Amino acid sequence: MVPFGGWEMPLAYPSGTVDEHLACRRDAVVFDVSHLGTVRVEGADAHELLQRQLTNDLAKVAPGRAQYTHLLDARDGSVLDDIIVWWHPRQDDAADVFDVMPNASNTDRVRRAIGGVETTHSRAVLAVQGLRAAERLAAVFPEAAEVRRFRVQALDWRGVACTVAGTGYTGESGVEIAVPADAAADLWSSIVDGGVVPAGLGARDTLRLEAALPLHGNELGPGITPLQAGLEWVVGWDKGDFRGRGALEREREIGVSRTLVGVVTEGRRPPRSGCPIHAGGEQVGTVTSGNYSPVLEHGIALGYVTRELKLGDDVDIDVRGTILPGRIAETPFV
């Protein structure tokens, strides 16, 4: 167990991070991701409020859908947080209900920006992910197993009201289940008894890195914009004004000063965050996330570079004085 964003969270279970990682790629795992925030925004003005504060365009989706989006710094367009929005299915003529899901340590910041009511501590979130996630979950919670990618449904499990979304952070299929806190242990036990392997934050990080999914505080954060991160698709240019739009428009006009790239290295020793990236005898960037890939069995990394590099270009990563040869690689790695 380790401290994480104000929570005590499992880093790994007895099987270990590598086995948990491979279980997700080959079968199914369950993560406790209750540390993720939940801010509920509802009412007649909720849709317009989120349109003004967040980058993506909710007009692209509808009730019963989820959407990935960003909250930007109004001054420089950098990413204050990356967020999943769950738009609850609409009940008859009732007002819209949105669950805005920030990263753990950013929940207060997001709530101040968008208002709403934080419901984080009244529920747990269990993420069932993996190649056989739907098959495994079907024996425990069959309605949840049928929720498709980026759909959101209100479902009951043994009389307990849950919200289930086809979202995750592993590159595999699966769902995330928001369940009332007092029923979470029972649901967790049922999922594990159904043959799903418990997995901790260590495997969650190596899985998201193989899938080249950004982590706030590494690939996103102060001074880093969606354009630099290669995430312009998260920006709803065709909608009206939103927080940080002016700064992004200026950057789009002059061009980005750095870009996010993937790097693969030789051997089992992994690159690490903060390691310099060299090309042509000079430093051209810095690793933001690096680790050993259990699937590829060599090192992989994401990092920002200030010079244009093409797929296949040779680079060197300096890991505490040891040079790891590598090359620019296509992402996702897996």
C-alpha atoms as a PDB file:
ATOM      1  CA  MET A   1       0.000   0.000   0.000  1.00  0.00           C
ATOM      2  CA  VAL A   2       1.295   3.468  -0.876  1.00  0.00           C
ATOM      3  CA  PRO A   3       0.107   7.073  -0.422  1.00  0.00           C
ATOM      4  CA  PHE A   4      -1.298   8.413  -3.688  1.00  0.00           C
ATOM      5  CA  GLY A   5      -3.110  11.734  -4.177  1.00  0.00           C
ATOM      6  CA  GLY A   6      -4.256  11.775  -0.557  1.00  0.00           C
ATOM      7  CA  TRP A   7      -5.373   8.125  -0.633  1.00  0.00           C
ATOM      8  CA  GLU A   8      -3.824   4.873   0.551  1.00  0.00           C
ATOM      9  CA  MET A   9      -3.742   2.726  -2.574  1.00  0.00           C
ATOM     10  CA  PRO A  10      -2.520  -0.758  -3.551  1.00  0.00           C
ATOM     11  CA  LEU A  11       0.701  -0.629  -5.560  1.00  0.00           C
ATOM     12  CA  ALA A  12       0.676  -4.395  -6.143  1.00  0.00           C
ATOM     13  CA  TYR A  13      -0.926  -7.583  -4.880  1.00  0.00           C
ATOM     14  CA  PRO A  14       1.062 -10.757  -4.041  1.00  0.00           C
ATOM     15  CA  SER A  15       1.229 -11.887  -7.674  1.00  0.00           C
ATOM     16  CA  GLY A  16       3.308  -8.796  -8.511  1.00  0.00           C
ATOM     17  CA  THR A  17       3.105  -6.019 -11.080  1.00  0.00           C
ATOM     18  CA  VAL A  18       4.396  -7.951 -14.109  1.00  0.00           C
ATOM     19  CA  ASP A  19       1.971 -10.846 -13.587  1.00  0.00           C
ATOM     20  CA  GLU A  20      -0.898  -8.415 -13.031  1.00  0.00           C
ATOM     21  CA  HIS A  21       0.042  -6.555 -16.208  1.00  0.00           C
ATOM     22  CA  LEU A  22       0.135  -9.743 -18.295  1.00  0.00           C
ATOM     23  CA  ALA A  23      -3.145 -10.919 -16.761  1.00  0.00           C
ATOM     24  CA  CYS A  24      -4.806  -7.801 -18.164  1.00  0.00           C
ATOM     25  CA  ARG A  25      -3.366  -8.325 -21.639  1.00  0.00           C
ATOM     26  CA  ARG A  26      -4.248 -12.047 -21.659  1.00  0.00           C
ATOM     27  CA  ASP A  27      -7.291 -12.372 -19.396  1.00  0.00           C
ATOM     28  CA  ALA A  28      -8.868  -9.833 -16.971  1.00  0.00           C
ATOM     29  CA  VAL A  29      -7.960  -7.749 -13.919  1.00  0.00           C
ATOM     30  CA  VAL A  30      -9.811  -5.486 -11.506  1.00  0.00           C
ATOM     31  CA  PHE A  31      -8.394  -2.206 -10.171  1.00  0.00           C
ATOM     32  CA  ASP A  32      -9.642  -0.179  -7.227  1.00  0.00           C
ATOM     33  CA  VAL A  33      -9.625   3.336  -8.718  1.00  0.00           C
ATOM     34  CA  SER A  34     -11.727   4.980  -6.020  1.00  0.00           C
ATOM     35  CA  HIS A  35      -9.060   7.687  -5.745  1.00  0.00           C
ATOM     36  CA  LEU A  36     -10.384   9.210  -8.958  1.00  0.00           C
ATOM     37  CA  GLY A  37     -12.572  12.201  -8.199  1.00  0.00           C
ATOM     38  CA  THR A  38     -16.247  12.549  -9.025  1.00  0.00           C
ATOM     39  CA  VAL A  39     -17.913  15.951  -9.279  1.00  0.00           C
ATOM     40  CA  ARG A  40     -21.604  15.839 -10.153  1.00  0.00           C
ATOM     41  CA  VAL A  41     -22.935  18.685 -12.262  1.00  0.00           C
ATOM     42  CA  GLU A  42     -26.631  18.699 -13.047  1.00  0.00           C
ATOM     43  CA  GLY A  43     -29.514  20.972 -13.949  1.00  0.00           C
ATOM     44  CA  ALA A  44     -30.711  23.048 -16.872  1.00  0.00           C
ATOM     45  CA  ASP A  45     -27.412  24.947 -17.201  1.00  0.00           C
ATOM     46  CA  ALA A  46     -25.045  21.998 -16.708  1.00  0.00           C
ATOM     47  CA  HIS A  47     -24.429  21.322 -20.408  1.00  0.00           C
ATOM     48  CA  GLU A  48     -23.580  24.935 -21.232  1.00  0.00           C
ATOM     49  CA  LEU A  49     -21.382  25.276 -18.140  1.00  0.00           C
ATOM     50  CA  LEU A  50     -19.239  22.306 -19.137  1.00  0.00           C
ATOM     51  CA  GLN A  51     -19.073  23.534 -22.743  1.00  0.00           C
ATOM     52  CA  ARG A  52     -17.581  26.821 -21.521  1.00  0.00           C
ATOM     53  CA  GLN A  53     -15.114  25.267 -19.070  1.00  0.00           C
ATOM     54  CA  LEU A  54     -13.857  22.134 -20.850  1.00  0.00           C
ATOM     55  CA  THR A  55     -12.164  21.702 -24.234  1.00  0.00           C
ATOM     56  CA  ASN A  56     -14.095  18.925 -25.940  1.00  0.00           C
ATOM     57  CA  ASP A  57     -17.483  19.428 -27.551  1.00  0.00           C
ATOM     58  CA  LEU A  58     -20.361  17.692 -25.794  1.00  0.00           C
ATOM     59  CA  ALA A  59     -22.414  18.163 -28.963  1.00  0.00           C
ATOM     60  CA  LYS A  60     -20.385  15.262 -30.401  1.00  0.00           C
ATOM     61  CA  VAL A  61     -21.931  12.879 -27.871  1.00  0.00           C
ATOM     62  CA  ALA A  62     -25.304  12.495 -26.115  1.00  0.00           C
ATOM     63  CA  PRO A  63     -26.840  11.268 -22.850  1.00  0.00           C
ATOM     64  CA  GLY A  64     -25.590   7.777 -22.096  1.00  0.00           C
ATOM     65  CA  ARG A  65     -22.098   8.509 -23.429  1.00  0.00           C
ATOM     66  CA  ALA A  66     -18.686   9.313 -21.954  1.00  0.00           C
ATOM     67  CA  GLN A  67     -16.156  11.803 -23.302  1.00  0.00           C
ATOM     68  CA  TYR A  68     -12.457  12.525 -22.707  1.00  0.00           C
ATOM     69  CA  THR A  69     -11.719  16.228 -22.264  1.00  0.00           C
ATOM     70  CA  HIS A  70      -9.342  18.780 -20.696  1.00  0.00           C
ATOM     71  CA  LEU A  71      -9.590  21.663 -18.242  1.00  0.00           C
ATOM     72  CA  LEU A  72      -7.112  24.340 -19.328  1.00  0.00           C
ATOM     73  CA  ASP A  73      -5.266  27.196 -17.684  1.00  0.00           C
ATOM     74  CA  ALA A  74      -6.907  30.281 -19.157  1.00  0.00           C
ATOM     75  CA  ARG A  75      -3.561  32.095 -19.402  1.00  0.00           C
ATOM     76  CA  ASP A  76      -1.372  29.702 -21.370  1.00  0.00           C
ATOM     77  CA  GLY A  77      -3.678  26.869 -22.432  1.00  0.00           C
ATOM     78  CA  SER A  78      -1.770  24.250 -20.442  1.00  0.00           C
ATOM     79  CA  VAL A  79      -3.666  21.256 -19.091  1.00  0.00           C
ATOM     80  CA  LEU A  80      -4.799  21.702 -15.487  1.00  0.00           C
ATOM     81  CA  ASP A  81      -6.366  18.264 -15.656  1.00  0.00           C
ATOM     82  CA  ASP A  82      -7.492  15.619 -18.114  1.00  0.00           C
ATOM     83  CA  ILE A  83     -10.950  14.340 -17.374  1.00  0.00           C
ATOM     84  CA  ILE A  84     -13.564  11.773 -18.313  1.00  0.00           C
ATOM     85  CA  VAL A  85     -17.145  13.060 -18.324  1.00  0.00           C
ATOM     86  CA  TRP A  86     -19.921  10.506 -17.794  1.00  0.00           C
ATOM     87  CA  TRP A  87     -23.185  11.885 -19.208  1.00  0.00           C
ATOM     88  CA  HIS A  88     -25.898   9.904 -17.484  1.00  0.00           C
ATOM     89  CA  PRO A  89     -28.774   8.512 -19.548  1.00  0.00           C
ATOM     90  CA  ARG A  90     -31.583  11.058 -19.512  1.00  0.00           C
ATOM     91  CA  GLN A  91     -34.662  10.082 -17.519  1.00  0.00           C
ATOM     92  CA  ASP A  92     -37.767  11.299 -19.394  1.00  0.00           C
ATOM     93  CA  ASP A  93     -37.798  15.115 -19.157  1.00  0.00           C
ATOM     94  CA  ALA A  94     -35.350  15.309 -16.250  1.00  0.00           C
ATOM     95  CA  ALA A  95     -32.394  17.697 -16.386  1.00  0.00           C
ATOM     96  CA  ASP A  96     -28.969  16.503 -17.546  1.00  0.00           C
ATOM     97  CA  VAL A  97     -26.688  14.815 -15.013  1.00  0.00           C
ATOM     98  CA  PHE A  98     -22.923  14.707 -15.567  1.00  0.00           C
ATOM     99  CA  ASP A  99     -20.258  12.998 -13.462  1.00  0.00           C
ATOM    100  CA  VAL A 100     -16.970  14.800 -14.103  1.00  0.00           C
ATOM    101  CA  MET A 101     -14.063  12.484 -13.223  1.00  0.00           C
ATOM    102  CA  PRO A 102     -10.791  14.344 -12.434  1.00  0.00           C
ATOM    103  CA  ASN A 103      -7.468  12.909 -11.347  1.00  0.00           C
ATOM    104  CA  ALA A 104      -7.318  12.407  -7.583  1.00  0.00           C
ATOM    105  CA  SER A 105      -5.187  15.375  -6.543  1.00  0.00           C
ATOM    106  CA  ASN A 106      -6.964  17.744  -8.951  1.00  0.00           C
ATOM    107  CA  THR A 107     -10.526  17.228  -7.723  1.00  0.00           C
ATOM    108  CA  ASP A 108     -10.694  20.451  -5.680  1.00  0.00           C
ATOM    109  CA  ARG A 109      -9.275  22.462  -8.572  1.00  0.00           C
ATOM    110  CA  VAL A 110     -11.823  21.048 -11.002  1.00  0.00           C
ATOM    111  CA  ARG A 111     -14.708  21.554  -8.589  1.00  0.00           C
ATOM    112  CA  ARG A 112     -13.750  25.213  -8.132  1.00  0.00           C
ATOM    113  CA  ALA A 113     -13.753  25.679 -11.907  1.00  0.00           C
ATOM    114  CA  ILE A 114     -17.034  23.958 -12.737  1.00  0.00           C
ATOM    115  CA  GLY A 115     -19.002  24.012  -9.473  1.00  0.00           C
ATOM    116  CA  GLY A 116     -21.087  20.966  -8.763  1.00  0.00           C
ATOM    117  CA  VAL A 117     -21.074  18.620  -5.785  1.00  0.00           C
ATOM    118  CA  GLU A 118     -18.233  16.225  -5.028  1.00  0.00           C
ATOM    119  CA  THR A 119     -19.479  12.656  -4.525  1.00  0.00           C
ATOM    120  CA  THR A 120     -16.061  10.965  -4.407  1.00  0.00           C
ATOM    121  CA  HIS A 121     -16.327   9.690  -0.841  1.00  0.00           C
ATOM    122  CA  SER A 122     -19.780   8.173  -1.140  1.00  0.00           C
ATOM    123  CA  ARG A 123     -18.822   5.638  -3.810  1.00  0.00           C
ATOM    124  CA  ALA A 124     -16.020   3.366  -4.943  1.00  0.00           C
ATOM    125  CA  VAL A 125     -14.930   2.828  -8.552  1.00  0.00           C
ATOM    126  CA  LEU A 126     -13.862  -0.633  -9.699  1.00  0.00           C
ATOM    127  CA  ALA A 127     -12.263  -0.961 -13.143  1.00  0.00           C
ATOM    128  CA  VAL A 128     -12.561  -4.395 -14.763  1.00  0.00           C
ATOM    129  CA  GLN A 129     -10.183  -4.453 -17.721  1.00  0.00           C
ATOM    130  CA  GLY A 130      -8.629  -6.948 -20.084  1.00  0.00           C
ATOM    131  CA  LEU A 131      -8.930  -9.206 -23.084  1.00  0.00           C
ATOM    132  CA  ARG A 132     -11.544 -11.401 -21.353  1.00  0.00           C
ATOM    133  CA  ALA A 133     -13.072  -8.691 -19.120  1.00  0.00           C
ATOM    134  CA  ALA A 134     -16.585  -8.968 -20.573  1.00  0.00           C
ATOM    135  CA  GLU A 135     -16.516 -12.761 -20.431  1.00  0.00           C
ATOM    136  CA  ARG A 136     -15.385 -12.818 -16.799  1.00  0.00           C
ATOM    137  CA  LEU A 137     -17.768 -10.069 -15.696  1.00  0.00           C
ATOM    138  CA  ALA A 138     -20.754 -11.732 -17.409  1.00  0.00           C
ATOM    139  CA  ALA A 139     -20.845 -14.383 -14.691  1.00  0.00           C
ATOM    140  CA  VAL A 140     -20.962 -11.762 -11.915  1.00  0.00           C
ATOM    141  CA  PHE A 141     -22.705  -8.669 -13.299  1.00  0.00           C
ATOM    142  CA  PRO A 142     -24.000  -9.595 -16.780  1.00  0.00           C
ATOM    143  CA  GLU A 143     -25.604  -6.213 -17.522  1.00  0.00           C
ATOM    144  CA  ALA A 144     -22.300  -4.440 -16.821  1.00  0.00           C
ATOM    145  CA  ALA A 145     -20.466  -6.846 -19.122  1.00  0.00           C
ATOM    146  CA  GLU A 146     -22.633  -5.640 -22.007  1.00  0.00           C
ATOM    147  CA  VAL A 147     -21.803  -1.919 -21.639  1.00  0.00           C
ATOM    148  CA  ARG A 148     -19.969  -0.883 -24.771  1.00  0.00           C
ATOM    149  CA  ARG A 149     -16.977   1.406 -25.187  1.00  0.00           C
ATOM    150  CA  PHE A 150     -17.639   4.967 -23.973  1.00  0.00           C
ATOM    151  CA  ARG A 151     -21.278   4.196 -23.131  1.00  0.00           C
ATOM    152  CA  VAL A 152     -22.761   4.998 -19.702  1.00  0.00           C
ATOM    153  CA  GLN A 153     -25.605   3.058 -18.087  1.00  0.00           C
ATOM    154  CA  ALA A 154     -27.449   3.052 -14.761  1.00  0.00           C
ATOM    155  CA  LEU A 155     -27.656  -0.579 -13.587  1.00  0.00           C
ATOM    156  CA  ASP A 156     -28.500  -2.574 -10.476  1.00  0.00           C
ATOM    157  CA  TRP A 157     -26.259  -5.221  -8.924  1.00  0.00           C
ATOM    158  CA  ARG A 158     -28.140  -7.280  -6.355  1.00  0.00           C
ATOM    159  CA  GLY A 159     -30.441  -4.334  -5.703  1.00  0.00           C
ATOM    160  CA  VAL A 160     -27.582  -1.806  -5.472  1.00  0.00           C
ATOM    161  CA  ALA A 161     -27.736   1.133  -7.898  1.00  0.00           C
ATOM    162  CA  CYS A 162     -24.486   1.487  -9.899  1.00  0.00           C
ATOM    163  CA  THR A 163     -23.266   3.612 -12.774  1.00  0.00           C
ATOM    164  CA  VAL A 164     -21.234   1.663 -15.339  1.00  0.00           C
ATOM    165  CA  ALA A 165     -19.136   3.223 -18.112  1.00  0.00           C
ATOM    166  CA  GLY A 166     -17.193   1.580 -20.919  1.00  0.00           C
ATOM    167  CA  THR A 167     -14.034   3.461 -20.017  1.00  0.00           C
ATOM    168  CA  GLY A 168     -10.582   2.532 -18.718  1.00  0.00           C
ATOM    169  CA  TYR A 169      -6.874   3.293 -18.733  1.00  0.00           C
ATOM    170  CA  THR A 170      -5.160   0.157 -19.997  1.00  0.00           C
ATOM    171  CA  GLY A 171      -5.597   0.022 -23.771  1.00  0.00           C
ATOM    172  CA  GLU A 172      -7.826  -3.033 -23.309  1.00  0.00           C
ATOM    173  CA  SER A 173     -11.609  -3.251 -23.309  1.00  0.00           C
ATOM    174  CA  GLY A 174     -13.512  -3.132 -20.049  1.00  0.00           C
ATOM    175  CA  VAL A 175     -15.723  -1.057 -17.791  1.00  0.00           C
ATOM    176  CA  GLU A 176     -15.515   1.160 -14.748  1.00  0.00           C
ATOM    177  CA  ILE A 177     -18.220   0.614 -12.125  1.00  0.00           C
ATOM    178  CA  ALA A 178     -19.198   3.348  -9.658  1.00  0.00           C
ATOM    179  CA  VAL A 179     -20.784   1.513  -6.727  1.00  0.00           C
ATOM    180  CA  PRO A 180     -21.946   2.870  -3.348  1.00  0.00           C
ATOM    181  CA  ALA A 181     -19.063   2.591  -0.895  1.00  0.00           C
ATOM    182  CA  ASP A 182     -20.879   0.262   1.499  1.00  0.00           C
ATOM    183  CA  ALA A 183     -21.421  -2.311  -1.285  1.00  0.00           C
ATOM    184  CA  ALA A 184     -17.976  -2.029  -2.890  1.00  0.00           C
ATOM    185  CA  ALA A 185     -16.245  -4.817  -0.934  1.00  0.00           C
ATOM    186  CA  ASP A 186     -18.997  -7.300  -1.797  1.00  0.00           C
ATOM    187  CA  LEU A 187     -18.840  -6.431  -5.497  1.00  0.00           C
ATOM    188  CA  TRP A 188     -15.012  -6.611  -5.463  1.00  0.00           C
ATOM    189  CA  SER A 189     -15.095 -10.048  -3.816  1.00  0.00           C
ATOM    190  CA  SER A 190     -17.629 -11.335  -6.329  1.00  0.00           C
ATOM    191  CA  ILE A 191     -15.526 -10.104  -9.244  1.00  0.00           C
ATOM    192  CA  VAL A 192     -12.356 -11.712  -7.855  1.00  0.00           C
ATOM    193  CA  ASP A 193     -14.216 -14.945  -7.071  1.00  0.00           C
ATOM    194  CA  GLY A 194     -15.253 -14.941 -10.740  1.00  0.00           C
ATOM    195  CA  GLY A 195     -11.620 -15.380 -11.798  1.00  0.00           C
ATOM    196  CA  VAL A 196     -10.595 -11.745 -12.254  1.00  0.00           C
ATOM    197  CA  VAL A 197      -7.078 -10.941 -10.963  1.00  0.00           C
ATOM    198  CA  PRO A 198      -6.651  -8.011  -8.520  1.00  0.00           C
ATOM    199  CA  ALA A 199      -4.187  -5.439  -9.907  1.00  0.00           C
ATOM    200  CA  GLY A 200      -2.535  -2.386  -8.372  1.00  0.00           C
ATOM    201  CA  LEU A 201      -1.268   1.009  -9.433  1.00  0.00           C
ATOM    202  CA  GLY A 202       2.028  -0.417 -10.672  1.00  0.00           C
ATOM    203  CA  ALA A 203       0.347  -2.480 -13.384  1.00  0.00           C
ATOM    204  CA  ARG A 204      -2.063   0.325 -14.168  1.00  0.00           C
ATOM    205  CA  ASP A 205       0.918   2.555 -14.957  1.00  0.00           C
ATOM    206  CA  THR A 206       2.800   0.041 -17.121  1.00  0.00           C
ATOM    207  CA  LEU A 207      -0.413  -0.812 -19.002  1.00  0.00           C
ATOM    208  CA  ARG A 208      -1.246   2.830 -19.736  1.00  0.00           C
ATOM    209  CA  LEU A 209       2.366   3.428 -20.850  1.00  0.00           C
ATOM    210  CA  GLU A 210       2.281   0.522 -23.322  1.00  0.00           C
ATOM    211  CA  ALA A 211      -0.948   2.066 -24.633  1.00  0.00           C
ATOM    212  CA  ALA A 212       0.764   5.522 -24.744  1.00  0.00           C
ATOM    213  CA  LEU A 213      -1.987   7.081 -22.639  1.00  0.00           C
ATOM    214  CA  PRO A 214      -0.893  10.361 -21.018  1.00  0.00           C
ATOM    215  CA  LEU A 215      -0.569  10.766 -17.262  1.00  0.00           C
ATOM    216  CA  HIS A 216      -1.232  14.153 -15.681  1.00  0.00           C
ATOM    217  CA  GLY A 217       1.942  15.311 -13.979  1.00  0.00           C
ATOM    218  CA  ASN A 218       4.045  13.571 -16.633  1.00  0.00           C
ATOM    219  CA  GLU A 219       2.786  14.032 -20.214  1.00  0.00           C
ATOM    220  CA  LEU A 220       0.257  16.695 -19.196  1.00  0.00           C
ATOM    221  CA  GLY A 221       0.495  19.497 -16.669  1.00  0.00           C
ATOM    222  CA  PRO A 222       1.847  23.028 -16.145  1.00  0.00           C
ATOM    223  CA  GLY A 223       3.181  24.499 -19.392  1.00  0.00           C
ATOM    224  CA  ILE A 224       2.019  21.522 -21.487  1.00  0.00           C
ATOM    225  CA  THR A 225      -0.855  22.113 -23.907  1.00  0.00           C
ATOM    226  CA  PRO A 226      -3.064  19.594 -25.731  1.00  0.00           C
ATOM    227  CA  LEU A 227      -1.358  20.607 -28.987  1.00  0.00           C
ATOM    228  CA  GLN A 228       2.106  19.735 -27.690  1.00  0.00           C
ATOM    229  CA  ALA A 229       0.771  16.389 -26.420  1.00  0.00           C
ATOM    230  CA  GLY A 230      -0.678  15.514 -29.840  1.00  0.00           C
ATOM    231  CA  LEU A 231      -4.208  15.694 -28.441  1.00  0.00           C
ATOM    232  CA  GLU A 232      -5.734  18.382 -30.649  1.00  0.00           C
ATOM    233  CA  TRP A 233      -8.680  16.019 -31.211  1.00  0.00           C
ATOM    234  CA  VAL A 234      -9.714  16.837 -27.615  1.00  0.00           C
ATOM    235  CA  VAL A 235     -10.243  20.483 -28.605  1.00  0.00           C
ATOM    236  CA  GLY A 236     -13.701  21.460 -29.875  1.00  0.00           C
ATOM    237  CA  TRP A 237     -12.667  24.203 -32.284  1.00  0.00           C
ATOM    238  CA  ASP A 238     -16.141  24.257 -33.826  1.00  0.00           C
ATOM    239  CA  LYS A 239     -17.970  25.067 -30.616  1.00  0.00           C
ATOM    240  CA  GLY A 240     -18.097  28.465 -28.911  1.00  0.00           C
ATOM    241  CA  ASP A 241     -15.625  29.989 -26.508  1.00  0.00           C
ATOM    242  CA  PHE A 242     -14.091  27.856 -23.773  1.00  0.00           C
ATOM    243  CA  ARG A 243     -11.534  28.385 -21.061  1.00  0.00           C
ATOM    244  CA  GLY A 244      -8.034  28.668 -22.562  1.00  0.00           C
ATOM    245  CA  ARG A 245      -9.199  28.855 -26.181  1.00  0.00           C
ATOM    246  CA  GLY A 246      -7.359  32.115 -26.940  1.00  0.00           C
ATOM    247  CA  ALA A 247      -4.011  30.728 -25.769  1.00  0.00           C
ATOM    248  CA  LEU A 248      -4.465  27.568 -27.852  1.00  0.00           C
ATOM    249  CA  GLU A 249      -5.367  29.571 -30.947  1.00  0.00           C
ATOM    250  CA  ARG A 250      -2.177  31.607 -30.596  1.00  0.00           C
ATOM    251  CA  GLU A 251      -0.088  28.456 -30.231  1.00  0.00           C
ATOM    252  CA  ARG A 252      -1.779  26.886 -33.248  1.00  0.00           C
ATOM    253  CA  GLU A 253      -0.870  29.939 -35.319  1.00  0.00           C
ATOM    254  CA  ILE A 254       2.834  30.043 -34.382  1.00  0.00           C
ATOM    255  CA  GLY A 255       3.365  26.280 -33.989  1.00  0.00           C
ATOM    256  CA  VAL A 256       4.298  24.181 -30.969  1.00  0.00           C
ATOM    257  CA  SER A 257       7.730  24.430 -29.357  1.00  0.00           C
ATOM    258  CA  ARG A 258       7.918  20.713 -28.540  1.00  0.00           C
ATOM    259  CA  THR A 259       6.139  17.464 -29.353  1.00  0.00           C
ATOM    260  CA  LEU A 260       5.477  14.204 -27.540  1.00  0.00           C
ATOM    261  CA  VAL A 261       7.185  11.133 -29.014  1.00  0.00           C
ATOM    262  CA  GLY A 262       7.517   7.456 -28.226  1.00  0.00           C
ATOM    263  CA  VAL A 263      10.913   5.792 -27.777  1.00  0.00           C
ATOM    264  CA  VAL A 264      11.857   2.122 -27.557  1.00  0.00           C
ATOM    265  CA  THR A 265      15.190   1.113 -26.029  1.00  0.00           C
ATOM    266  CA  GLU A 266      17.325  -2.020 -26.115  1.00  0.00           C
ATOM    267  CA  GLY A 267      17.509  -4.452 -23.223  1.00  0.00           C
ATOM    268  CA  ARG A 268      15.549  -4.786 -20.006  1.00  0.00           C
ATOM    269  CA  ARG A 269      16.864  -1.674 -18.240  1.00  0.00           C
ATOM    270  CA  PRO A 270      14.142   0.956 -18.614  1.00  0.00           C
ATOM    271  CA  PRO A 271      14.349   4.688 -19.233  1.00  0.00           C
ATOM    272  CA  ARG A 272      12.928   6.793 -16.413  1.00  0.00           C
ATOM    273  CA  SER A 273      11.110  10.087 -16.073  1.00  0.00           C
ATOM    274  CA  GLY A 274      13.509  13.039 -16.245  1.00  0.00           C
ATOM    275  CA  CYS A 275      16.210  11.269 -18.282  1.00  0.00           C
ATOM    276  CA  PRO A 276      17.694  13.382 -21.104  1.00  0.00           C
ATOM    277  CA  ILE A 277      17.032  12.343 -24.715  1.00  0.00           C
ATOM    278  CA  HIS A 278      19.965  12.913 -27.097  1.00  0.00           C
ATOM    279  CA  ALA A 279      20.092  12.909 -30.890  1.00  0.00           C
ATOM    280  CA  GLY A 280      23.027  13.846 -33.078  1.00  0.00           C
ATOM    281  CA  GLY A 281      25.229  14.461 -30.072  1.00  0.00           C
ATOM    282  CA  GLU A 282      22.973  17.013 -28.354  1.00  0.00           C
ATOM    283  CA  GLN A 283      20.105  16.936 -25.901  1.00  0.00           C
ATOM    284  CA  VAL A 284      16.810  17.339 -27.739  1.00  0.00           C
ATOM    285  CA  GLY A 285      14.322  16.417 -25.055  1.00  0.00           C
ATOM    286  CA  THR A 286      13.405  14.720 -21.791  1.00  0.00           C
ATOM    287  CA  VAL A 287      11.623  11.503 -20.869  1.00  0.00           C
ATOM    288  CA  THR A 288       8.266  12.072 -19.167  1.00  0.00           C
ATOM    289  CA  SER A 289       7.416   8.389 -18.525  1.00  0.00           C
ATOM    290  CA  GLY A 290       9.578   5.314 -18.933  1.00  0.00           C
ATOM    291  CA  ASN A 291       9.412   1.693 -17.856  1.00  0.00           C
ATOM    292  CA  TYR A 292      10.008  -1.916 -18.805  1.00  0.00           C
ATOM    293  CA  SER A 293       7.316  -3.288 -21.119  1.00  0.00           C
ATOM    294  CA  PRO A 294       6.214  -6.740 -19.910  1.00  0.00           C
ATOM    295  CA  VAL A 295       4.720  -7.506 -23.339  1.00  0.00           C
ATOM    296  CA  LEU A 296       7.623  -6.279 -25.501  1.00  0.00           C
ATOM    297  CA  GLU A 297      10.301  -7.250 -22.943  1.00  0.00           C
ATOM    298  CA  HIS A 298      12.363  -4.092 -23.396  1.00  0.00           C
ATOM    299  CA  GLY A 299      12.254  -0.473 -22.353  1.00  0.00           C
ATOM    300  CA  ILE A 300       9.691   2.040 -23.611  1.00  0.00           C
ATOM    301  CA  ALA A 301       9.290   5.748 -22.966  1.00  0.00           C
ATOM    302  CA  LEU A 302       7.290   8.854 -23.769  1.00  0.00           C
ATOM    303  CA  GLY A 303       9.034  12.211 -23.865  1.00  0.00           C
ATOM    304  CA  TYR A 304       8.980  15.731 -25.247  1.00  0.00           C
ATOM    305  CA  VAL A 305      11.498  16.771 -27.899  1.00  0.00           C
ATOM    306  CA  THR A 306      12.221  20.220 -29.279  1.00  0.00           C
ATOM    307  CA  ARG A 307      13.507  19.015 -32.655  1.00  0.00           C
ATOM    308  CA  GLU A 308      11.607  17.214 -35.383  1.00  0.00           C
ATOM    309  CA  LEU A 309      12.369  13.512 -35.251  1.00  0.00           C
ATOM    310  CA  LYS A 310      10.945  10.867 -37.568  1.00  0.00           C
ATOM    311  CA  LEU A 311       9.883   7.294 -36.864  1.00  0.00           C
ATOM    312  CA  GLY A 312      12.987   5.116 -36.772  1.00  0.00           C
ATOM    313  CA  ASP A 313      15.426   7.933 -35.942  1.00  0.00           C
ATOM    314  CA  ASP A 314      18.158   6.876 -33.508  1.00  0.00           C
ATOM    315  CA  VAL A 315      18.296   8.487 -30.070  1.00  0.00           C
ATOM    316  CA  ASP A 316      20.191   7.894 -26.837  1.00  0.00           C
ATOM    317  CA  ILE A 317      18.698   8.142 -23.352  1.00  0.00           C
ATOM    318  CA  ASP A 318      21.030   8.986 -20.479  1.00  0.00           C
ATOM    319  CA  VAL A 319      19.989   6.962 -17.422  1.00  0.00           C
ATOM    320  CA  ARG A 320      22.213   8.179 -14.588  1.00  0.00           C
ATOM    321  CA  GLY A 321      25.295   8.137 -16.776  1.00  0.00           C
ATOM    322  CA  THR A 322      24.454   4.932 -18.646  1.00  0.00           C
ATOM    323  CA  ILE A 323      23.501   5.445 -22.294  1.00  0.00           C
ATOM    324  CA  LEU A 324      20.537   3.418 -23.534  1.00  0.00           C
ATOM    325  CA  PRO A 325      20.390   3.287 -27.353  1.00  0.00           C
ATOM    326  CA  GLY A 326      16.887   3.715 -28.701  1.00  0.00           C
ATOM    327  CA  ARG A 327      14.798   4.870 -31.608  1.00  0.00           C
ATOM    328  CA  ILE A 328      11.660   6.912 -32.196  1.00  0.00           C
ATOM    329  CA  ALA A 329       8.736   4.472 -32.337  1.00  0.00           C
ATOM    330  CA  GLU A 330       5.102   4.470 -33.318  1.00  0.00           C
ATOM    331  CA  THR A 331       2.594   4.686 -30.483  1.00  0.00           C
ATOM    332  CA  PRO A 332       0.754   2.989 -28.931  1.00  0.00           C
ATOM    333  CA  PHE A 333       3.613   0.593 -28.246  1.00  0.00           C
ATOM    334  CA  VAL A 334       1.128  -2.269 -27.679  1.00  0.00           C
END
